[in-house]
Amino acid sequence: MIDSIPPVVIGLKTLTLLLGGLITYFAAKAARRTGATGLALLAAGFATVTLGSMAAGLADQLFAIAHGDALVLENALTTVGFAIIAYSLAASGGLE
């Protein structure tokens, strides 16, 4: 199944996972160091967005879930992740 995906998409998904994981790591590390709830939420939000990208690929390629359903899964997790990120910024005083 994976041979039907253009290599550029595989490359971009890989970069998304690497960068999303890196952002999550740095935000979680900063949250632990400072004890800031907003940073912990930021890490959770980026982890959710990154998980959505990974879960959609796994669902599509490994578990043979329909492409449309995998896309819905990815977009649902991205939406939830961005909502968490927005809340983390608001909780950190971003709306003042």
N, C-alpha and C. Protein backbone atom coordinates (compact mmCIF):
# COMPACT_ATOMS: atom_id res chain seq x y z
N MET A 1 0.80 -1.21 0.00
CA MET A 1 0.00 0.00 0.00
C MET A 1 0.84 1.26 0.00
N ILE A 2 1.97 1.22 0.68
CA ILE A 2 2.76 2.43 0.84
C ILE A 2 3.33 2.92 -0.50
N ASP A 3 3.46 2.01 -1.49
CA ASP A 3 4.01 2.42 -2.77
C ASP A 3 3.07 3.33 -3.56
N SER A 4 1.81 3.45 -3.14
CA SER A 4 0.87 4.33 -3.84
C SER A 4 0.94 5.77 -3.32
N ILE A 5 1.72 6.00 -2.29
CA ILE A 5 1.86 7.34 -1.72
C ILE A 5 3.10 7.99 -2.33
N PRO A 6 2.95 9.21 -2.85
CA PRO A 6 4.12 9.89 -3.43
C PRO A 6 5.22 10.07 -2.38
N PRO A 7 6.46 9.88 -2.77
CA PRO A 7 7.58 10.02 -1.83
C PRO A 7 7.62 11.37 -1.12
N VAL A 8 7.18 12.42 -1.79
CA VAL A 8 7.19 13.73 -1.14
C VAL A 8 6.25 13.76 0.06
N VAL A 9 5.13 13.05 -0.03
CA VAL A 9 4.18 12.99 1.08
C VAL A 9 4.80 12.23 2.25
N ILE A 10 5.49 11.15 1.95
CA ILE A 10 6.17 10.38 3.01
C ILE A 10 7.23 11.25 3.68
N GLY A 11 7.97 11.99 2.88
CA GLY A 11 8.99 12.89 3.42
C GLY A 11 8.39 13.98 4.30
N LEU A 12 7.31 14.57 3.84
CA LEU A 12 6.67 15.64 4.62
C LEU A 12 6.05 15.10 5.90
N LYS A 13 5.45 13.93 5.84
CA LYS A 13 4.89 13.31 7.05
C LYS A 13 6.00 13.01 8.06
N THR A 14 7.13 12.53 7.55
CA THR A 14 8.26 12.24 8.42
C THR A 14 8.76 13.51 9.10
N LEU A 15 8.87 14.58 8.33
CA LEU A 15 9.29 15.87 8.91
C LEU A 15 8.27 16.38 9.92
N THR A 16 6.99 16.20 9.63
CA THR A 16 5.94 16.60 10.56
C THR A 16 6.10 15.86 11.88
N LEU A 17 6.33 14.56 11.82
CA LEU A 17 6.49 13.77 13.04
C LEU A 17 7.74 14.18 13.81
N LEU A 18 8.85 14.39 13.10
CA LEU A 18 10.09 14.78 13.76
C LEU A 18 9.98 16.16 14.41
N LEU A 19 9.47 17.13 13.65
CA LEU A 19 9.35 18.49 14.19
C LEU A 19 8.29 18.57 15.29
N GLY A 20 7.17 17.88 15.09
CA GLY A 20 6.14 17.86 16.13
C GLY A 20 6.65 17.22 17.40
N GLY A 21 7.41 16.14 17.26
CA GLY A 21 8.01 15.49 18.42
C GLY A 21 9.02 16.38 19.11
N LEU A 22 9.80 17.11 18.33
CA LEU A 22 10.80 18.02 18.89
C LEU A 22 10.14 19.18 19.65
N ILE A 23 9.11 19.76 19.07
CA ILE A 23 8.39 20.85 19.73
C ILE A 23 7.75 20.33 21.03
N THR A 24 7.15 19.14 20.96
CA THR A 24 6.54 18.55 22.14
C THR A 24 7.59 18.33 23.23
N TYR A 25 8.73 17.80 22.84
CA TYR A 25 9.82 17.54 23.80
C TYR A 25 10.27 18.83 24.48
N PHE A 26 10.53 19.87 23.69
CA PHE A 26 11.01 21.13 24.27
C PHE A 26 9.96 21.78 25.16
N ALA A 27 8.71 21.74 24.75
CA ALA A 27 7.64 22.32 25.56
C ALA A 27 7.47 21.54 26.87
N ALA A 28 7.54 20.22 26.80
CA ALA A 28 7.41 19.40 28.01
C ALA A 28 8.60 19.61 28.94
N LYS A 29 9.78 19.71 28.37
CA LYS A 29 10.99 19.97 29.17
C LYS A 29 10.89 21.33 29.87
N ALA A 30 10.43 22.34 29.15
CA ALA A 30 10.26 23.67 29.75
C ALA A 30 9.18 23.65 30.82
N ALA A 31 8.11 22.88 30.60
CA ALA A 31 7.03 22.78 31.58
C ALA A 31 7.54 22.14 32.87
N ARG A 32 8.34 21.10 32.74
CA ARG A 32 8.90 20.44 33.93
C ARG A 32 9.84 21.37 34.68
N ARG A 33 10.65 22.11 33.92
CA ARG A 33 11.63 23.01 34.54
C ARG A 33 10.96 24.17 35.26
N THR A 34 9.91 24.73 34.66
CA THR A 34 9.28 25.92 35.22
C THR A 34 8.03 25.63 36.05
N GLY A 35 7.44 24.48 35.83
CA GLY A 35 6.18 24.16 36.50
C GLY A 35 4.99 24.92 35.94
N ALA A 36 5.15 25.48 34.74
CA ALA A 36 4.09 26.29 34.12
C ALA A 36 3.03 25.39 33.47
N THR A 37 1.81 25.56 33.93
CA THR A 37 0.69 24.78 33.38
C THR A 37 0.50 25.06 31.90
N GLY A 38 0.65 26.32 31.50
CA GLY A 38 0.47 26.69 30.10
C GLY A 38 1.43 25.95 29.19
N LEU A 39 2.68 25.78 29.63
CA LEU A 39 3.65 25.04 28.82
C LEU A 39 3.32 23.55 28.76
N ALA A 40 2.80 23.01 29.86
CA ALA A 40 2.39 21.60 29.85
C ALA A 40 1.23 21.39 28.87
N LEU A 41 0.30 22.34 28.87
CA LEU A 41 -0.81 22.25 27.92
C LEU A 41 -0.33 22.43 26.48
N LEU A 42 0.63 23.31 26.29
CA LEU A 42 1.21 23.51 24.96
C LEU A 42 1.83 22.20 24.46
N ALA A 43 2.57 21.53 25.33
CA ALA A 43 3.17 20.24 24.97
C ALA A 43 2.08 19.22 24.63
N ALA A 44 1.02 19.19 25.42
CA ALA A 44 -0.07 18.25 25.17
C ALA A 44 -0.75 18.55 23.83
N GLY A 45 -0.92 19.82 23.51
CA GLY A 45 -1.53 20.20 22.24
C GLY A 45 -0.69 19.78 21.05
N PHE A 46 0.61 20.05 21.11
CA PHE A 46 1.47 19.64 20.00
C PHE A 46 1.59 18.13 19.92
N ALA A 47 1.57 17.46 21.06
CA ALA A 47 1.59 15.99 21.05
C ALA A 47 0.35 15.44 20.36
N THR A 48 -0.80 16.07 20.60
CA THR A 48 -2.06 15.62 20.00
C THR A 48 -2.05 15.83 18.49
N VAL A 49 -1.56 16.98 18.05
CA VAL A 49 -1.47 17.25 16.61
C VAL A 49 -0.52 16.24 15.95
N THR A 50 0.62 16.00 16.58
CA THR A 50 1.60 15.06 16.04
C THR A 50 1.04 13.65 16.03
N LEU A 51 0.37 13.27 17.10
CA LEU A 51 -0.26 11.96 17.19
C LEU A 51 -1.29 11.78 16.07
N GLY A 52 -2.04 12.83 15.77
CA GLY A 52 -3.03 12.77 14.70
C GLY A 52 -2.41 12.45 13.36
N SER A 53 -1.28 13.06 13.09
CA SER A 53 -0.59 12.81 11.84
C SER A 53 -0.10 11.36 11.78
N MET A 54 0.47 10.90 12.88
CA MET A 54 0.98 9.54 12.92
C MET A 54 -0.16 8.52 12.88
N ALA A 55 -1.21 8.77 13.63
CA ALA A 55 -2.33 7.83 13.70
C ALA A 55 -3.02 7.67 12.34
N ALA A 56 -3.13 8.76 11.62
CA ALA A 56 -3.77 8.69 10.30
C ALA A 56 -2.94 7.83 9.35
N GLY A 57 -1.64 8.01 9.37
CA GLY A 57 -0.77 7.20 8.52
C GLY A 57 -0.83 5.73 8.88
N LEU A 58 -0.80 5.45 10.18
CA LEU A 58 -0.90 4.06 10.62
C LEU A 58 -2.25 3.45 10.26
N ALA A 59 -3.30 4.21 10.49
CA ALA A 59 -4.65 3.71 10.18
C ALA A 59 -4.78 3.40 8.69
N ASP A 60 -4.25 4.28 7.88
CA ASP A 60 -4.36 4.13 6.43
C ASP A 60 -3.49 2.99 5.90
N GLN A 61 -2.24 2.94 6.36
CA GLN A 61 -1.29 2.00 5.77
C GLN A 61 -1.25 0.63 6.46
N LEU A 62 -1.31 0.61 7.77
CA LEU A 62 -1.15 -0.66 8.48
C LEU A 62 -2.47 -1.37 8.76
N PHE A 63 -3.51 -0.58 9.01
CA PHE A 63 -4.78 -1.18 9.40
C PHE A 63 -5.82 -1.14 8.29
N ALA A 64 -5.42 -0.68 7.11
CA ALA A 64 -6.28 -0.68 5.92
C ALA A 64 -7.62 0.02 6.15
N ILE A 65 -7.60 1.07 6.95
CA ILE A 65 -8.80 1.88 7.14
C ILE A 65 -8.94 2.77 5.91
N ALA A 66 -10.14 3.03 5.48
CA ALA A 66 -10.38 3.84 4.28
C ALA A 66 -9.67 5.19 4.38
N HIS A 67 -9.18 5.66 3.24
CA HIS A 67 -8.45 6.93 3.21
C HIS A 67 -9.25 8.07 3.82
N GLY A 68 -10.52 8.13 3.49
CA GLY A 68 -11.38 9.20 4.01
C GLY A 68 -11.51 9.14 5.52
N ASP A 69 -11.63 7.94 6.07
CA ASP A 69 -11.74 7.78 7.52
C ASP A 69 -10.43 8.17 8.21
N ALA A 70 -9.30 7.82 7.60
CA ALA A 70 -8.00 8.19 8.16
C ALA A 70 -7.85 9.71 8.14
N LEU A 71 -8.34 10.34 7.09
CA LEU A 71 -8.27 11.80 6.99
C LEU A 71 -9.14 12.46 8.06
N VAL A 72 -10.32 11.90 8.31
CA VAL A 72 -11.19 12.42 9.37
C VAL A 72 -10.50 12.30 10.72
N LEU A 73 -9.86 11.16 10.99
CA LEU A 73 -9.13 10.95 12.23
C LEU A 73 -8.03 11.99 12.40
N GLU A 74 -7.25 12.19 11.35
CA GLU A 74 -6.16 13.16 11.41
C GLU A 74 -6.69 14.57 11.68
N ASN A 75 -7.73 14.97 10.97
CA ASN A 75 -8.27 16.31 11.15
C ASN A 75 -8.94 16.49 12.51
N ALA A 76 -9.57 15.46 13.03
CA ALA A 76 -10.18 15.54 14.36
C ALA A 76 -9.11 15.75 15.43
N LEU A 77 -8.02 14.98 15.35
CA LEU A 77 -6.95 15.13 16.33
C LEU A 77 -6.22 16.46 16.16
N THR A 78 -6.07 16.92 14.93
CA THR A 78 -5.46 18.23 14.71
C THR A 78 -6.33 19.33 15.32
N THR A 79 -7.63 19.25 15.15
CA THR A 79 -8.55 20.23 15.71
C THR A 79 -8.47 20.24 17.23
N VAL A 80 -8.50 19.05 17.83
CA VAL A 80 -8.40 18.96 19.30
C VAL A 80 -7.05 19.52 19.77
N GLY A 81 -5.99 19.17 19.07
CA GLY A 81 -4.66 19.67 19.43
C GLY A 81 -4.57 21.18 19.37
N PHE A 82 -5.11 21.76 18.32
CA PHE A 82 -5.09 23.22 18.20
C PHE A 82 -5.95 23.88 19.27
N ALA A 83 -7.05 23.24 19.65
CA ALA A 83 -7.88 23.77 20.73
C ALA A 83 -7.09 23.77 22.05
N ILE A 84 -6.33 22.71 22.29
CA ILE A 84 -5.50 22.65 23.50
C ILE A 84 -4.41 23.72 23.45
N ILE A 85 -3.79 23.91 22.29
CA ILE A 85 -2.76 24.94 22.14
C ILE A 85 -3.36 26.32 22.39
N ALA A 86 -4.52 26.59 21.82
CA ALA A 86 -5.17 27.89 22.02
C ALA A 86 -5.49 28.09 23.50
N TYR A 87 -5.98 27.06 24.16
CA TYR A 87 -6.28 27.16 25.59
C TYR A 87 -5.01 27.40 26.39
N SER A 88 -3.91 26.73 26.00
CA SER A 88 -2.65 26.91 26.73
C SER A 88 -2.16 28.35 26.63
N LEU A 89 -2.34 28.96 25.50
CA LEU A 89 -1.93 30.36 25.32
C LEU A 89 -2.83 31.29 26.11
N ALA A 90 -4.12 31.00 26.14
CA ALA A 90 -5.05 31.81 26.92
C ALA A 90 -4.75 31.65 28.41
N ALA A 91 -4.45 30.43 28.85
CA ALA A 91 -4.18 30.17 30.27
C ALA A 91 -2.85 30.81 30.70
N SER A 92 -1.97 31.05 29.74
CA SER A 92 -0.68 31.68 30.04
C SER A 92 -0.75 33.20 30.00
N GLY A 93 -1.95 33.73 29.88
CA GLY A 93 -2.09 35.18 29.85
C GLY A 93 -2.05 35.77 28.45
N GLY A 94 -2.19 34.93 27.44
CA GLY A 94 -2.13 35.39 26.06
C GLY A 94 -3.30 36.25 25.64
N LEU A 95 -4.36 36.28 26.43
CA LEU A 95 -5.53 37.07 26.06
C LEU A 95 -5.61 38.40 26.81
N GLU A 96 -4.57 38.69 27.54
CA GLU A 96 -4.58 39.96 28.30
C GLU A 96 -4.30 41.14 27.42
